[in-house]
Amino acid sequence: MRKHSYRITNPVRFFIFILLSIMIIVFAGYSIIGAGNAEAATARKYAQVTIQENDTLWDLACSYNPERLDIRDIVHEIYDINDISADDIHPGDVVFIPVY
């Protein structure tokens, strides 16, 4: 059986091919390994708050919103998280408020 011998005829093209191959392997490995961390980085934190007399969800959303996001969006998120509406809250109830 005859052995084939290969020669590098264009060293620049060969170097670019090797460099690109290594970069693709590194980036693919990084994205696979980093994919598990993406969920942890986007995990939201919640504060557990006991409703007091005269508390409103609007006031609670304002107090836990230092970034001054749209309060309406935060109140709707509180509704969704706790599966409640504004009529469902009473003093002594415990609700979860997203912390930003």
C-alpha atoms as a PDB file:
ATOM      1  CA  MET A   1       0.000   0.000   0.000  1.00  0.00           C
ATOM      2  CA  ARG A   2       1.312   3.386  -0.984  1.00  0.00           C
ATOM      3  CA  LYS A   3       1.649   6.180   1.589  1.00  0.00           C
ATOM      4  CA  HIS A   4       0.404   9.622   0.730  1.00  0.00           C
ATOM      5  CA  SER A   5       2.531  12.518   1.756  1.00  0.00           C
ATOM      6  CA  TYR A   6       1.004  15.956   2.050  1.00  0.00           C
ATOM      7  CA  ARG A   7       2.757  19.263   1.647  1.00  0.00           C
ATOM      8  CA  ILE A   8       1.665  22.679   2.815  1.00  0.00           C
ATOM      9  CA  THR A   9       1.734  24.706  -0.355  1.00  0.00           C
ATOM     10  CA  ASN A  10       0.405  27.948   1.121  1.00  0.00           C
ATOM     11  CA  PRO A  11       1.470  28.441   4.788  1.00  0.00           C
ATOM     12  CA  VAL A  12      -0.645  31.582   5.238  1.00  0.00           C
ATOM     13  CA  ARG A  13      -3.845  29.831   4.180  1.00  0.00           C
ATOM     14  CA  PHE A  14      -2.977  26.855   6.401  1.00  0.00           C
ATOM     15  CA  PHE A  15      -2.348  29.153   9.403  1.00  0.00           C
ATOM     16  CA  ILE A  16      -5.683  30.957   8.865  1.00  0.00           C
ATOM     17  CA  PHE A  17      -7.485  27.598   8.613  1.00  0.00           C
ATOM     18  CA  ILE A  18      -5.932  26.368  11.878  1.00  0.00           C
ATOM     19  CA  LEU A  19      -6.654  29.667  13.633  1.00  0.00           C
ATOM     20  CA  LEU A  20     -10.300  29.705  12.549  1.00  0.00           C
ATOM     21  CA  SER A  21     -10.733  26.056  13.520  1.00  0.00           C
ATOM     22  CA  ILE A  22      -9.387  26.713  17.006  1.00  0.00           C
ATOM     23  CA  MET A  23     -11.591  29.790  17.407  1.00  0.00           C
ATOM     24  CA  ILE A  24     -14.714  27.883  16.381  1.00  0.00           C
ATOM     25  CA  ILE A  25     -13.946  25.070  18.820  1.00  0.00           C
ATOM     26  CA  VAL A  26     -13.258  27.513  21.672  1.00  0.00           C
ATOM     27  CA  PHE A  27     -16.409  29.572  21.073  1.00  0.00           C
ATOM     28  CA  ALA A  28     -18.556  26.457  20.696  1.00  0.00           C
ATOM     29  CA  GLY A  29     -17.171  25.067  23.949  1.00  0.00           C
ATOM     30  CA  TYR A  30     -17.697  28.379  25.731  1.00  0.00           C
ATOM     31  CA  SER A  31     -21.301  28.631  24.593  1.00  0.00           C
ATOM     32  CA  ILE A  32     -22.036  25.063  25.672  1.00  0.00           C
ATOM     33  CA  ILE A  33     -20.437  25.536  29.082  1.00  0.00           C
ATOM     34  CA  GLY A  34     -21.855  29.032  29.538  1.00  0.00           C
ATOM     35  CA  ALA A  35     -25.394  27.981  28.610  1.00  0.00           C
ATOM     36  CA  GLY A  36     -26.055  26.650  32.116  1.00  0.00           C
ATOM     37  CA  ASN A  37     -25.012  29.942  33.671  1.00  0.00           C
ATOM     38  CA  ALA A  38     -27.413  32.000  31.575  1.00  0.00           C
ATOM     39  CA  GLU A  39     -30.408  30.848  33.587  1.00  0.00           C
ATOM     40  CA  ALA A  40     -28.720  31.671  36.885  1.00  0.00           C
ATOM     41  CA  ALA A  41     -27.762  35.110  35.641  1.00  0.00           C
ATOM     42  CA  THR A  42     -31.356  35.937  34.729  1.00  0.00           C
ATOM     43  CA  ALA A  43     -32.954  34.487  37.853  1.00  0.00           C
ATOM     44  CA  ARG A  44     -35.123  37.101  39.489  1.00  0.00           C
ATOM     45  CA  LYS A  45     -35.104  37.747  43.231  1.00  0.00           C
ATOM     46  CA  TYR A  46     -38.286  38.290  45.191  1.00  0.00           C
ATOM     47  CA  ALA A  47     -39.022  39.909  48.527  1.00  0.00           C
ATOM     48  CA  GLN A  48     -41.646  38.303  50.720  1.00  0.00           C
ATOM     49  CA  VAL A  49     -43.857  41.101  52.066  1.00  0.00           C
ATOM     50  CA  THR A  50     -46.698  40.938  54.565  1.00  0.00           C
ATOM     51  CA  ILE A  51     -49.503  43.314  53.640  1.00  0.00           C
ATOM     52  CA  GLN A  52     -50.157  45.972  56.302  1.00  0.00           C
ATOM     53  CA  GLU A  53     -53.219  48.150  56.766  1.00  0.00           C
ATOM     54  CA  ASN A  54     -53.560  50.722  53.925  1.00  0.00           C
ATOM     55  CA  ASP A  55     -50.818  49.062  51.801  1.00  0.00           C
ATOM     56  CA  THR A  56     -51.388  49.044  48.064  1.00  0.00           C
ATOM     57  CA  LEU A  57     -49.558  47.026  45.455  1.00  0.00           C
ATOM     58  CA  TRP A  58     -48.709  50.290  43.724  1.00  0.00           C
ATOM     59  CA  ASP A  59     -46.922  51.605  46.846  1.00  0.00           C
ATOM     60  CA  LEU A  60     -45.106  48.306  47.366  1.00  0.00           C
ATOM     61  CA  ALA A  61     -43.991  48.247  43.718  1.00  0.00           C
ATOM     62  CA  CYS A  62     -42.657  51.809  44.092  1.00  0.00           C
ATOM     63  CA  SER A  63     -40.702  50.979  47.233  1.00  0.00           C
ATOM     64  CA  TYR A  64     -39.007  47.902  45.685  1.00  0.00           C
ATOM     65  CA  ASN A  65     -38.173  49.636  42.383  1.00  0.00           C
ATOM     66  CA  PRO A  66     -34.930  51.634  42.747  1.00  0.00           C
ATOM     67  CA  GLU A  67     -34.378  51.654  38.976  1.00  0.00           C
ATOM     68  CA  ARG A  68     -37.660  53.485  38.454  1.00  0.00           C
ATOM     69  CA  LEU A  69     -39.088  51.108  35.912  1.00  0.00           C
ATOM     70  CA  ASP A  70     -42.706  51.438  34.812  1.00  0.00           C
ATOM     71  CA  ILE A  71     -44.745  50.756  37.960  1.00  0.00           C
ATOM     72  CA  ARG A  72     -47.676  49.388  35.938  1.00  0.00           C
ATOM     73  CA  ASP A  73     -45.472  46.587  34.597  1.00  0.00           C
ATOM     74  CA  ILE A  74     -44.258  45.736  38.090  1.00  0.00           C
ATOM     75  CA  VAL A  75     -47.808  45.671  39.502  1.00  0.00           C
ATOM     76  CA  HIS A  76     -48.897  43.333  36.699  1.00  0.00           C
ATOM     77  CA  GLU A  77     -45.898  41.127  37.434  1.00  0.00           C
ATOM     78  CA  ILE A  78     -46.932  41.011  41.103  1.00  0.00           C
ATOM     79  CA  TYR A  79     -50.416  39.949  39.996  1.00  0.00           C
ATOM     80  CA  ASP A  80     -48.958  37.183  37.830  1.00  0.00           C
ATOM     81  CA  ILE A  81     -46.439  35.921  40.388  1.00  0.00           C
ATOM     82  CA  ASN A  82     -48.957  35.720  43.215  1.00  0.00           C
ATOM     83  CA  ASP A  83     -51.986  34.831  41.076  1.00  0.00           C
ATOM     84  CA  ILE A  84     -54.019  37.627  42.657  1.00  0.00           C
ATOM     85  CA  SER A  85     -55.849  40.806  41.730  1.00  0.00           C
ATOM     86  CA  ALA A  86     -56.088  44.113  43.596  1.00  0.00           C
ATOM     87  CA  ASP A  87     -59.302  42.973  45.305  1.00  0.00           C
ATOM     88  CA  ASP A  88     -57.616  39.835  46.666  1.00  0.00           C
ATOM     89  CA  ILE A  89     -55.150  41.498  49.055  1.00  0.00           C
ATOM     90  CA  HIS A  90     -55.957  41.976  52.732  1.00  0.00           C
ATOM     91  CA  PRO A  91     -53.864  42.930  55.772  1.00  0.00           C
ATOM     92  CA  GLY A  92     -51.810  39.936  56.890  1.00  0.00           C
ATOM     93  CA  ASP A  93     -51.543  38.395  53.410  1.00  0.00           C
ATOM     94  CA  VAL A  94     -48.057  37.553  52.170  1.00  0.00           C
ATOM     95  CA  VAL A  95     -47.078  38.484  48.607  1.00  0.00           C
ATOM     96  CA  PHE A  96     -43.878  38.205  46.616  1.00  0.00           C
ATOM     97  CA  ILE A  97     -42.530  41.429  45.128  1.00  0.00           C
ATOM     98  CA  PRO A  98     -39.820  41.356  42.401  1.00  0.00           C
ATOM     99  CA  VAL A  99     -36.647  43.087  43.527  1.00  0.00           C
ATOM    100  CA  TYR A 100     -34.762  45.018  40.846  1.00  0.00           C
END
